[in-house]
Amino acid sequence: MSPRVLRGRRAVSITPRDLERQHMKKVVLSVGVALAQLFAVAAFAQGEVGATKAPPPAKKASPEDRAAARAERKAEGAAAIKQQPAGEVGAVKKAAPAAKVSAEDKAAARANRKAEGAAAIKQAPPGEVGPTK
């Protein structure tokens, strides 16, 4: 038995077919709204019609003009590299160390570091990750 709904003075029965129609109307309406939003977004993304500015037509540069422009860019690049502080990305050379160290001093420092490392390994508590004996 289908439910009865009062509409005005008359009682109207709702059939399953009526429910299907209402459901389809809701689906079509929601899909239509979604499509309208998609088209609106696409239309606004294109911008104003006819407002595009085309660049002026390019003139062919002669080989002499291109060589002069290339030489100018090369000179500007060389000047920019000379003004870069040492250690920056793209620097040509590293700054030279202030004081030269003799080979004997380097060997003594290396032996000292090696002895400190060996002492630290010996003092490590058991169970820690490290070199095996």
C-alpha atoms as a PDB file:
ATOM      1  CA  MET A   1       0.000   0.000   0.000  1.00  0.00           C
ATOM      2  CA  SER A   2       1.386   3.375  -0.949  1.00  0.00           C
ATOM      3  CA  PRO A   3       1.437   6.244   1.545  1.00  0.00           C
ATOM      4  CA  ARG A   4      -1.134   8.966   1.214  1.00  0.00           C
ATOM      5  CA  VAL A   5      -0.239  12.624   1.322  1.00  0.00           C
ATOM      6  CA  LEU A   6      -2.667  15.464   1.746  1.00  0.00           C
ATOM      7  CA  ARG A   7      -2.407  18.081  -0.962  1.00  0.00           C
ATOM      8  CA  GLY A   8      -4.889  20.820  -0.451  1.00  0.00           C
ATOM      9  CA  ARG A   9      -8.272  19.172   0.057  1.00  0.00           C
ATOM     10  CA  ARG A  10      -7.425  15.918  -1.743  1.00  0.00           C
ATOM     11  CA  ALA A  11      -5.429  12.945  -0.558  1.00  0.00           C
ATOM     12  CA  VAL A  12      -2.814  11.934  -3.166  1.00  0.00           C
ATOM     13  CA  SER A  13      -1.033   8.604  -3.126  1.00  0.00           C
ATOM     14  CA  ILE A  14       2.710   8.477  -3.887  1.00  0.00           C
ATOM     15  CA  THR A  15       3.757   5.599  -6.080  1.00  0.00           C
ATOM     16  CA  PRO A  16       7.245   4.143  -6.493  1.00  0.00           C
ATOM     17  CA  ARG A  17       7.303   5.601  -9.979  1.00  0.00           C
ATOM     18  CA  ASP A  18       6.792   9.089  -8.516  1.00  0.00           C
ATOM     19  CA  LEU A  19       9.712   8.498  -6.161  1.00  0.00           C
ATOM     20  CA  GLU A  20      11.909   7.440  -9.092  1.00  0.00           C
ATOM     21  CA  ARG A  21      10.987  10.599 -10.996  1.00  0.00           C
ATOM     22  CA  GLN A  22      11.815  12.783  -8.013  1.00  0.00           C
ATOM     23  CA  HIS A  23      15.122  10.995  -7.603  1.00  0.00           C
ATOM     24  CA  MET A  24      15.964  11.463 -11.299  1.00  0.00           C
ATOM     25  CA  LYS A  25      15.029  15.146 -11.107  1.00  0.00           C
ATOM     26  CA  LYS A  26      17.419  15.602  -8.184  1.00  0.00           C
ATOM     27  CA  VAL A  27      20.221  13.776  -9.981  1.00  0.00           C
ATOM     28  CA  VAL A  28      19.760  15.721 -13.216  1.00  0.00           C
ATOM     29  CA  LEU A  29      19.582  19.002 -11.337  1.00  0.00           C
ATOM     30  CA  SER A  30      22.762  18.356  -9.354  1.00  0.00           C
ATOM     31  CA  VAL A  31      24.668  17.179 -12.455  1.00  0.00           C
ATOM     32  CA  GLY A  32      23.458  20.254 -14.335  1.00  0.00           C
ATOM     33  CA  VAL A  33      24.668  22.586 -11.583  1.00  0.00           C
ATOM     34  CA  ALA A  34      28.067  20.876 -11.524  1.00  0.00           C
ATOM     35  CA  LEU A  35      28.430  21.172 -15.307  1.00  0.00           C
ATOM     36  CA  ALA A  36      27.433  24.823 -15.212  1.00  0.00           C
ATOM     37  CA  GLN A  37      30.156  25.485 -12.643  1.00  0.00           C
ATOM     38  CA  LEU A  38      32.739  23.687 -14.758  1.00  0.00           C
ATOM     39  CA  PHE A  39      31.844  25.711 -17.840  1.00  0.00           C
ATOM     40  CA  ALA A  40      31.862  28.936 -15.844  1.00  0.00           C
ATOM     41  CA  VAL A  41      35.356  28.216 -14.526  1.00  0.00           C
ATOM     42  CA  ALA A  42      36.582  27.427 -18.030  1.00  0.00           C
ATOM     43  CA  ALA A  43      35.027  30.605 -19.419  1.00  0.00           C
ATOM     44  CA  PHE A  44      36.585  32.827 -16.749  1.00  0.00           C
ATOM     45  CA  ALA A  45      39.957  31.145 -17.152  1.00  0.00           C
ATOM     46  CA  GLN A  46      40.097  32.164 -20.806  1.00  0.00           C
ATOM     47  CA  GLY A  47      39.952  35.820 -19.925  1.00  0.00           C
ATOM     48  CA  GLU A  48      38.590  38.615 -22.019  1.00  0.00           C
ATOM     49  CA  VAL A  49      38.056  37.880 -25.692  1.00  0.00           C
ATOM     50  CA  GLY A  50      40.307  39.893 -27.976  1.00  0.00           C
ATOM     51  CA  ALA A  51      42.414  41.313 -25.140  1.00  0.00           C
ATOM     52  CA  THR A  52      45.544  39.355 -26.027  1.00  0.00           C
ATOM     53  CA  LYS A  53      48.492  41.431 -27.067  1.00  0.00           C
ATOM     54  CA  ALA A  54      50.701  39.870 -29.670  1.00  0.00           C
ATOM     55  CA  PRO A  55      54.369  40.769 -29.568  1.00  0.00           C
ATOM     56  CA  PRO A  56      55.602  42.898 -32.426  1.00  0.00           C
ATOM     57  CA  PRO A  57      56.999  40.931 -35.328  1.00  0.00           C
ATOM     58  CA  ALA A  58      60.648  40.107 -34.764  1.00  0.00           C
ATOM     59  CA  LYS A  59      63.246  41.456 -37.138  1.00  0.00           C
ATOM     60  CA  LYS A  60      66.020  39.176 -38.279  1.00  0.00           C
ATOM     61  CA  ALA A  61      69.272  40.195 -36.615  1.00  0.00           C
ATOM     62  CA  SER A  62      72.366  40.293 -38.740  1.00  0.00           C
ATOM     63  CA  PRO A  63      75.330  38.116 -37.765  1.00  0.00           C
ATOM     64  CA  GLU A  64      77.263  41.256 -36.778  1.00  0.00           C
ATOM     65  CA  ASP A  65      74.489  42.363 -34.412  1.00  0.00           C
ATOM     66  CA  ARG A  66      74.312  38.911 -32.828  1.00  0.00           C
ATOM     67  CA  ALA A  67      78.090  38.784 -32.359  1.00  0.00           C
ATOM     68  CA  ALA A  68      78.082  42.250 -30.742  1.00  0.00           C
ATOM     69  CA  ALA A  69      75.258  41.280 -28.373  1.00  0.00           C
ATOM     70  CA  ARG A  70      77.017  38.027 -27.488  1.00  0.00           C
ATOM     71  CA  ALA A  71      80.278  39.867 -26.719  1.00  0.00           C
ATOM     72  CA  GLU A  72      78.394  42.346 -24.526  1.00  0.00           C
ATOM     73  CA  ARG A  73      76.683  39.562 -22.563  1.00  0.00           C
ATOM     74  CA  LYS A  74      79.992  37.749 -22.172  1.00  0.00           C
ATOM     75  CA  ALA A  75      81.666  40.887 -20.773  1.00  0.00           C
ATOM     76  CA  GLU A  76      78.768  41.462 -18.341  1.00  0.00           C
ATOM     77  CA  GLY A  77      78.967  37.843 -17.146  1.00  0.00           C
ATOM     78  CA  ALA A  78      82.718  38.067 -16.585  1.00  0.00           C
ATOM     79  CA  ALA A  79      82.298  41.277 -14.580  1.00  0.00           C
ATOM     80  CA  ALA A  80      79.535  39.690 -12.473  1.00  0.00           C
ATOM     81  CA  ILE A  81      81.713  36.664 -11.672  1.00  0.00           C
ATOM     82  CA  LYS A  82      84.596  38.913 -10.608  1.00  0.00           C
ATOM     83  CA  GLN A  83      82.283  40.773  -8.207  1.00  0.00           C
ATOM     84  CA  GLN A  84      80.990  37.547  -6.593  1.00  0.00           C
ATOM     85  CA  PRO A  85      82.314  36.849  -3.094  1.00  0.00           C
ATOM     86  CA  ALA A  86      84.456  33.748  -2.681  1.00  0.00           C
ATOM     87  CA  GLY A  87      82.546  30.573  -1.826  1.00  0.00           C
ATOM     88  CA  GLU A  88      79.374  31.569  -3.673  1.00  0.00           C
ATOM     89  CA  VAL A  89      77.798  29.148  -6.105  1.00  0.00           C
ATOM     90  CA  GLY A  90      79.419  29.542  -9.488  1.00  0.00           C
ATOM     91  CA  ALA A  91      82.632  31.089  -8.174  1.00  0.00           C
ATOM     92  CA  VAL A  92      85.665  30.424 -10.310  1.00  0.00           C
ATOM     93  CA  LYS A  93      88.277  29.737  -7.620  1.00  0.00           C
ATOM     94  CA  LYS A  94      88.432  29.107  -3.892  1.00  0.00           C
ATOM     95  CA  ALA A  95      90.269  31.590  -1.735  1.00  0.00           C
ATOM     96  CA  ALA A  96      93.809  30.437  -0.922  1.00  0.00           C
ATOM     97  CA  PRO A  97      94.457  29.478   2.731  1.00  0.00           C
ATOM     98  CA  ALA A  98      96.011  32.251   4.795  1.00  0.00           C
ATOM     99  CA  ALA A  99      98.902  30.180   6.175  1.00  0.00           C
ATOM    100  CA  LYS A 100     100.666  27.237   4.573  1.00  0.00           C
ATOM    101  CA  VAL A 101     100.968  24.136   6.752  1.00  0.00           C
ATOM    102  CA  SER A 102     103.965  21.872   6.435  1.00  0.00           C
ATOM    103  CA  ALA A 103     103.653  18.156   5.737  1.00  0.00           C
ATOM    104  CA  GLU A 104     105.087  17.333   9.176  1.00  0.00           C
ATOM    105  CA  ASP A 105     102.393  19.392  10.923  1.00  0.00           C
ATOM    106  CA  LYS A 106      99.686  17.688   8.884  1.00  0.00           C
ATOM    107  CA  ALA A 107     101.083  14.243   9.746  1.00  0.00           C
ATOM    108  CA  ALA A 108     101.268  15.143  13.462  1.00  0.00           C
ATOM    109  CA  ALA A 109      97.654  16.400  13.452  1.00  0.00           C
ATOM    110  CA  ARG A 110      96.511  13.227  11.646  1.00  0.00           C
ATOM    111  CA  ALA A 111      98.304  10.991  14.200  1.00  0.00           C
ATOM    112  CA  ASN A 112      96.760  12.983  17.051  1.00  0.00           C
ATOM    113  CA  ARG A 113      93.228  12.553  15.614  1.00  0.00           C
ATOM    114  CA  LYS A 114      93.821   8.862  15.056  1.00  0.00           C
ATOM    115  CA  ALA A 115      94.986   8.373  18.685  1.00  0.00           C
ATOM    116  CA  GLU A 116      91.949  10.294  20.038  1.00  0.00           C
ATOM    117  CA  GLY A 117      89.606   8.154  17.939  1.00  0.00           C
ATOM    118  CA  ALA A 118      91.198   4.923  19.157  1.00  0.00           C
ATOM    119  CA  ALA A 119      90.887   6.066  22.779  1.00  0.00           C
ATOM    120  CA  ALA A 120      87.225   6.976  22.277  1.00  0.00           C
ATOM    121  CA  ILE A 121      86.485   3.542  20.798  1.00  0.00           C
ATOM    122  CA  LYS A 122      88.128   1.802  23.741  1.00  0.00           C
ATOM    123  CA  GLN A 123      86.032   3.801  26.234  1.00  0.00           C
ATOM    124  CA  ALA A 124      82.687   3.098  24.477  1.00  0.00           C
ATOM    125  CA  PRO A 125      80.302   1.054  26.688  1.00  0.00           C
ATOM    126  CA  PRO A 126      79.481  -2.462  25.473  1.00  0.00           C
ATOM    127  CA  GLY A 127      76.449  -2.823  23.257  1.00  0.00           C
ATOM    128  CA  GLU A 128      76.930   0.404  21.330  1.00  0.00           C
ATOM    129  CA  VAL A 129      77.213   0.293  17.606  1.00  0.00           C
ATOM    130  CA  GLY A 130      80.749   0.776  16.395  1.00  0.00           C
ATOM    131  CA  PRO A 131      83.777  -0.998  14.996  1.00  0.00           C
ATOM    132  CA  THR A 132      84.473  -4.474  16.320  1.00  0.00           C
ATOM    133  CA  LYS A 133      87.697  -5.464  18.036  1.00  0.00           C
END
